[in-house]
Amino acid sequence: MRSVDDPSDPPLIVAGRRFASRLVVGTGKYSTYADMAECLAASGTDCVTVAVRRERLVNAAGENILEHLDTSRYTLLPNTAGCFTADDAVRVARLGRELLRDLGNPGSEWVKLEVLGDAKTLLPDPVGTIEATKQLVDDGFAVLVYTSDDPVTARRLKDAGAASVMPAGSPIGSGQGILNANNLRICMEYLKDGDPTYPVIVDAGVGTASDVAAAMELGVDGVLLNTAIAHASDPLRMARAMAAACDAGRQAFLAGRIPKRLYATASSPDEGRVGTAAAARKEGV
């Protein structure tokens, strides 16, 4: 992963905090908390999301997830997963703040906001999301907000004070990757207009490492994922792949890809070959 000290690649900064890794990784859906901890370490992330609802903090064996997360290593980002109204999301965000304050975690004023529209698609409710964002910003939160890839909604969320807008690549847990790259480009155009360092993080839909690379090559500032690692056949290997893909995609974006062309372009220029042939004939070769 790139170092935060690499002058050619400014670090990811969200709400004034610097991150070396551009991956944000969720903590749900793993077989065991021990597997989760190993995969988080392999991914290189330094920011992890934690669902605040009580039933997600303690597993069937009675283990508390927080006992398996090194709060000196990771910024814990509480999320409002499973909330379907603005009021519910605001309440869960406040619970998360109190929980992390007790742990002394520096992310206690942060929240990954989700206000879902329905249980089938898990698409965000734009009205409820904007409403909850305004309330939480007024309450002193740094709000990283999950939204659709609609550029107008994205801009309204930034105007509402969101610390980071996080458009979906595709539906949560679907593994479909980036379905509408053009919308993401427009989202970035709107969100970074006059503010090029504003953090835009793709959230949801990643299925494999190439999806992460594709997102980063668009120029987004980071990618949030969970299911793609936790439900992979080999989660630990996939965590390593995600770290490599994130770095490769970022470096490709910074390097600048060649333009796409309809016809072939020879790798060896014709001018050089013609000149060499002519010189050879002149010398009688």
Protein backbone atom coordinates (compact mmCIF):
# COMPACT_ATOMS: atom_id res chain seq x y z
CA MET A 1 0.00 0.00 0.00
CA ARG A 2 1.10 3.58 -0.60
CA SER A 3 2.58 5.41 2.36
CA VAL A 4 0.92 8.57 3.66
CA ASP A 5 4.37 10.15 3.13
CA ASP A 6 4.41 9.50 -0.65
CA PRO A 7 4.50 13.04 -2.11
CA SER A 8 3.27 11.83 -5.51
CA ASP A 9 0.07 10.45 -4.03
CA PRO A 10 -1.62 12.56 -1.34
CA PRO A 11 -3.20 10.39 1.36
CA LEU A 12 -6.88 9.79 1.84
CA ILE A 13 -8.13 12.43 4.28
CA VAL A 14 -11.65 12.25 5.71
CA ALA A 15 -12.87 14.80 8.24
CA GLY A 16 -9.29 15.84 8.92
CA ARG A 17 -7.97 12.32 9.52
CA ARG A 18 -5.28 10.78 7.30
CA PHE A 19 -5.37 7.15 6.19
CA ALA A 20 -2.61 5.14 4.57
CA SER A 21 -5.02 2.57 3.13
CA ARG A 22 -7.82 3.49 0.74
CA LEU A 23 -9.82 0.40 1.67
CA VAL A 24 -12.53 0.57 4.30
CA VAL A 25 -13.53 -2.96 5.30
CA GLY A 26 -16.64 -4.22 7.06
CA THR A 27 -16.62 -6.64 9.97
CA GLY A 28 -19.79 -8.64 9.26
CA LYS A 29 -20.51 -12.05 7.73
CA TYR A 30 -17.26 -13.80 8.69
CA SER A 31 -17.33 -17.40 9.95
CA THR A 32 -15.56 -16.43 13.15
CA TYR A 33 -14.25 -13.26 14.73
CA ALA A 34 -10.75 -14.74 14.54
CA ASP A 35 -11.11 -15.07 10.74
CA MET A 36 -12.39 -11.51 10.60
CA ALA A 37 -9.38 -10.16 12.48
CA GLU A 38 -6.95 -12.03 10.22
CA CYS A 39 -8.63 -10.77 7.05
CA LEU A 40 -8.73 -7.17 8.26
CA ALA A 41 -5.00 -7.30 8.92
CA ALA A 42 -4.32 -8.83 5.48
CA SER A 43 -6.39 -6.16 3.71
CA GLY A 44 -4.16 -3.40 5.08
CA THR A 45 -7.16 -1.32 6.10
CA ASP A 46 -6.95 1.12 8.97
CA CYS A 47 -10.68 1.94 9.11
CA VAL A 48 -13.34 -0.70 9.73
CA THR A 49 -17.11 -0.48 9.95
CA VAL A 50 -19.05 -1.96 12.85
CA ALA A 51 -22.82 -2.44 12.96
CA VAL A 52 -24.10 -0.89 16.16
CA ARG A 53 -27.27 -2.90 16.67
CA ARG A 54 -26.89 -5.12 19.73
CA GLU A 55 -27.48 -8.41 17.94
CA ARG A 56 -24.53 -7.74 15.65
CA LEU A 57 -22.05 -6.94 18.41
CA VAL A 58 -22.28 -10.33 20.11
CA ASN A 59 -22.24 -13.63 18.21
CA ALA A 60 -23.95 -16.93 19.03
CA ALA A 61 -20.96 -17.99 21.13
CA GLY A 62 -21.28 -14.89 23.28
CA GLU A 63 -18.15 -13.23 21.88
CA ASN A 64 -18.14 -9.46 21.58
CA ILE A 65 -16.79 -8.27 18.24
CA LEU A 66 -15.07 -5.34 19.90
CA GLU A 67 -12.79 -7.75 21.76
CA HIS A 68 -11.33 -8.79 18.40
CA LEU A 69 -10.66 -5.28 17.04
CA ASP A 70 -7.45 -3.47 17.95
CA THR A 71 -8.66 0.05 18.61
CA SER A 72 -5.07 1.31 18.61
CA ARG A 73 -4.72 0.09 15.02
CA TYR A 74 -8.13 0.71 13.49
CA THR A 75 -10.47 3.64 13.40
CA LEU A 76 -13.84 2.08 14.14
CA LEU A 77 -16.61 3.47 11.97
CA PRO A 78 -20.02 2.64 13.46
CA ASN A 79 -22.72 2.20 10.85
CA THR A 80 -26.48 2.35 10.85
CA ALA A 81 -26.98 -0.83 8.81
CA GLY A 82 -30.53 -2.11 8.95
CA CYS A 83 -32.15 1.28 9.55
CA PHE A 84 -35.14 2.19 7.36
CA THR A 85 -36.06 5.61 8.75
CA ALA A 86 -34.12 8.77 9.48
CA ASP A 87 -35.15 8.69 13.14
CA ASP A 88 -33.95 5.12 13.57
CA ALA A 89 -30.62 5.90 11.90
CA VAL A 90 -30.04 8.96 14.07
CA ARG A 91 -30.80 6.95 17.21
CA VAL A 92 -28.41 4.13 16.23
CA ALA A 93 -25.69 6.66 15.32
CA ARG A 94 -25.94 8.19 18.78
CA LEU A 95 -25.72 4.76 20.39
CA GLY A 96 -22.57 4.09 18.40
CA ARG A 97 -21.05 7.36 19.52
CA GLU A 98 -21.59 6.54 23.17
CA LEU A 99 -20.22 3.03 22.70
CA LEU A 100 -16.99 4.20 21.09
CA ARG A 101 -16.54 7.03 23.57
CA ASP A 102 -16.45 4.39 26.28
CA LEU A 103 -13.66 2.64 24.34
CA GLY A 104 -11.73 5.85 23.80
CA ASN A 105 -11.76 5.33 20.03
CA PRO A 106 -10.92 8.43 17.94
CA GLY A 107 -13.79 7.69 15.56
CA SER A 108 -16.51 8.17 18.14
CA GLU A 109 -17.91 11.23 16.35
CA TRP A 110 -18.00 9.39 13.03
CA VAL A 111 -20.83 7.44 11.48
CA LYS A 112 -21.37 5.56 8.27
CA LEU A 113 -24.96 6.48 7.57
CA GLU A 114 -27.39 4.11 5.88
CA VAL A 115 -31.11 4.82 5.58
CA LEU A 116 -32.54 2.05 3.42
CA GLY A 117 -35.62 2.24 1.24
CA ASP A 118 -36.69 -1.41 1.37
CA ALA A 119 -35.42 -4.79 2.48
CA LYS A 120 -35.39 -6.39 -0.99
CA THR A 121 -33.07 -4.03 -2.84
CA LEU A 122 -31.34 -2.37 0.14
CA LEU A 123 -31.23 0.77 -1.96
CA PRO A 124 -31.00 4.01 0.01
CA ASP A 125 -34.03 6.19 0.72
CA PRO A 126 -32.82 9.54 -0.64
CA VAL A 127 -35.25 11.68 1.36
CA GLY A 128 -34.57 9.89 4.63
CA THR A 129 -30.82 9.88 3.96
CA ILE A 130 -30.67 13.63 3.41
CA GLU A 131 -32.84 14.26 6.47
CA ALA A 132 -30.68 12.07 8.71
CA THR A 133 -27.48 13.62 7.34
CA LYS A 134 -28.67 17.10 8.31
CA GLN A 135 -29.64 15.98 11.81
CA LEU A 136 -26.37 14.18 12.46
CA VAL A 137 -24.22 17.02 11.10
CA ASP A 138 -26.08 19.41 13.39
CA ASP A 139 -25.34 16.98 16.24
CA GLY A 140 -21.60 17.15 15.60
CA PHE A 141 -21.06 13.96 13.62
CA ALA A 142 -18.68 13.43 10.72
CA VAL A 143 -21.13 11.68 8.39
CA LEU A 144 -19.88 9.28 5.72
CA VAL A 145 -23.07 8.60 3.85
CA TYR A 146 -24.11 5.65 1.69
CA THR A 147 -26.15 6.72 -1.32
CA SER A 148 -27.09 5.64 -4.82
CA ASP A 149 -25.05 6.68 -7.84
CA ASP A 150 -27.46 9.56 -8.53
CA PRO A 151 -25.31 12.69 -8.95
CA VAL A 152 -28.06 15.10 -7.85
CA THR A 153 -28.60 13.27 -4.56
CA ALA A 154 -24.84 13.07 -4.07
CA ARG A 155 -24.50 16.83 -4.42
CA ARG A 156 -27.38 17.47 -2.02
CA LEU A 157 -25.76 15.23 0.58
CA LYS A 158 -22.51 17.16 0.34
CA ASP A 159 -24.46 20.41 0.65
CA ALA A 160 -26.09 18.93 3.78
CA GLY A 161 -22.62 18.66 5.33
CA ALA A 162 -21.57 15.05 4.69
CA ALA A 163 -17.85 14.51 5.35
CA SER A 164 -17.79 11.94 2.53
CA VAL A 165 -20.39 10.86 0.00
CA MET A 166 -20.25 7.14 -0.77
CA PRO A 167 -22.12 6.19 -3.96
CA ALA A 168 -22.89 2.52 -4.56
CA GLY A 169 -21.17 0.66 -7.36
CA SER A 170 -24.14 -1.75 -7.37
CA PRO A 171 -26.62 -3.07 -4.77
CA ILE A 172 -25.26 -4.08 -1.35
CA GLY A 173 -23.82 -7.59 -1.34
CA SER A 174 -24.69 -8.20 -5.00
CA GLY A 175 -21.12 -8.67 -6.21
CA GLN A 176 -21.98 -7.02 -9.52
CA GLY A 177 -19.13 -4.51 -9.40
CA ILE A 178 -19.38 -1.08 -11.02
CA LEU A 179 -22.61 -1.02 -13.04
CA ASN A 180 -22.68 2.64 -14.05
CA ALA A 181 -19.21 4.13 -14.33
CA ASN A 182 -20.57 7.23 -16.07
CA ASN A 183 -22.77 8.12 -13.11
CA LEU A 184 -19.83 7.73 -10.76
CA ARG A 185 -17.79 10.06 -12.96
CA ILE A 186 -20.57 12.64 -12.81
CA CYS A 187 -20.84 12.21 -9.04
CA MET A 188 -17.13 12.95 -8.73
CA GLU A 189 -17.44 15.95 -11.03
CA TYR A 190 -20.24 17.40 -8.90
CA LEU A 191 -18.68 16.56 -5.54
CA LYS A 192 -15.17 17.74 -6.36
CA ASP A 193 -16.17 20.92 -8.17
CA GLY A 194 -14.18 23.62 -6.40
CA ASP A 195 -13.05 21.08 -3.80
CA PRO A 196 -10.78 18.48 -5.49
CA THR A 197 -9.77 16.87 -2.19
CA TYR A 198 -13.34 16.06 -1.17
CA PRO A 199 -13.35 12.28 -0.46
CA VAL A 200 -15.58 10.13 -2.66
CA ILE A 201 -15.65 6.47 -1.63
CA VAL A 202 -17.42 3.72 -3.57
CA ASP A 203 -19.58 1.73 -1.18
CA ALA A 204 -21.31 -1.57 -2.00
CA GLY A 205 -21.45 -4.10 -4.81
CA VAL A 206 -17.79 -5.17 -5.00
CA GLY A 207 -17.45 -8.84 -5.94
CA THR A 208 -13.76 -9.36 -6.60
CA ALA A 209 -10.43 -7.58 -6.85
CA SER A 210 -10.94 -6.33 -10.40
CA ASP A 211 -14.01 -4.40 -9.21
CA VAL A 212 -11.85 -2.53 -6.72
CA ALA A 213 -9.24 -1.78 -9.37
CA ALA A 214 -11.94 -0.54 -11.77
CA ALA A 215 -13.38 1.78 -9.14
CA MET A 216 -9.99 3.20 -8.23
CA GLU A 217 -9.10 3.72 -11.89
CA LEU A 218 -12.11 6.03 -12.15
CA GLY A 219 -10.39 8.30 -9.65
CA VAL A 220 -12.48 7.65 -6.53
CA ASP A 221 -10.63 8.14 -3.27
CA GLY A 222 -11.40 4.78 -1.72
CA VAL A 223 -13.59 1.68 -1.70
CA LEU A 224 -15.67 0.20 1.11
CA LEU A 225 -16.40 -3.53 0.98
CA ASN A 226 -17.33 -6.46 3.18
CA THR A 227 -19.12 -9.41 1.56
CA ALA A 228 -16.56 -9.83 -1.22
CA ILE A 229 -13.95 -10.80 1.35
CA ALA A 230 -16.09 -12.44 4.04
CA HIS A 231 -17.96 -14.75 1.64
CA ALA A 232 -15.07 -15.56 -0.70
CA SER A 233 -14.04 -19.22 -0.88
CA ASP A 234 -10.71 -18.15 0.62
CA PRO A 235 -11.36 -14.90 2.53
CA LEU A 236 -7.76 -14.38 3.59
CA ARG A 237 -6.43 -14.69 0.06
CA MET A 238 -9.18 -12.37 -1.19
CA ALA A 239 -8.29 -9.79 1.46
CA ARG A 240 -4.74 -9.74 0.14
CA ALA A 241 -6.04 -9.47 -3.42
CA MET A 242 -8.23 -6.50 -2.50
CA ALA A 243 -5.25 -4.67 -1.00
CA ALA A 244 -3.19 -5.23 -4.14
CA ALA A 245 -6.06 -4.25 -6.44
CA CYS A 246 -6.72 -1.03 -4.56
CA ASP A 247 -3.09 -0.01 -4.85
CA ALA A 248 -2.86 -1.05 -8.52
CA GLY A 249 -6.02 0.83 -9.45
CA ARG A 250 -4.87 3.96 -7.67
CA GLN A 251 -1.46 3.89 -9.34
CA ALA A 252 -3.06 3.31 -12.76
CA PHE A 253 -5.32 6.33 -12.22
CA LEU A 254 -2.37 8.51 -11.25
CA ALA A 255 -0.33 7.22 -14.19
CA GLY A 256 -3.07 8.01 -16.73
CA ARG A 257 -4.32 5.38 -19.15
CA ILE A 258 -3.84 5.64 -22.90
CA PRO A 259 -6.90 6.71 -24.90
CA LYS A 260 -9.13 4.02 -26.37
CA ARG A 261 -8.93 3.86 -30.19
CA LEU A 262 -11.05 2.16 -32.80
CA TYR A 263 -8.07 0.87 -34.80
CA ALA A 264 -4.68 -0.58 -33.99
CA THR A 265 -1.64 1.56 -33.29
CA ALA A 266 1.72 -0.12 -33.82
CA SER A 267 3.98 -0.31 -30.81
CA SER A 268 7.05 0.29 -32.99
CA PRO A 269 6.73 3.52 -35.00
CA ASP A 270 6.76 3.20 -38.80
CA GLU A 271 9.04 6.23 -39.11
CA GLY A 272 11.89 4.47 -37.35
CA ARG A 273 11.60 1.29 -39.37
CA VAL A 274 11.49 3.14 -42.73
CA GLY A 275 14.55 5.17 -41.83
CA THR A 276 16.50 2.09 -40.83
CA ALA A 277 15.59 0.24 -44.06
CA ALA A 278 16.58 3.20 -46.22
CA ALA A 279 19.93 3.51 -44.45
CA ALA A 280 20.59 -0.19 -44.95
CA ARG A 281 19.94 0.02 -48.72
CA LYS A 282 22.25 3.00 -48.99
CA GLU A 283 25.03 1.02 -47.38
CA GLY A 284 24.38 -1.88 -49.71
CA VAL A 285 23.20 -4.20 -46.95
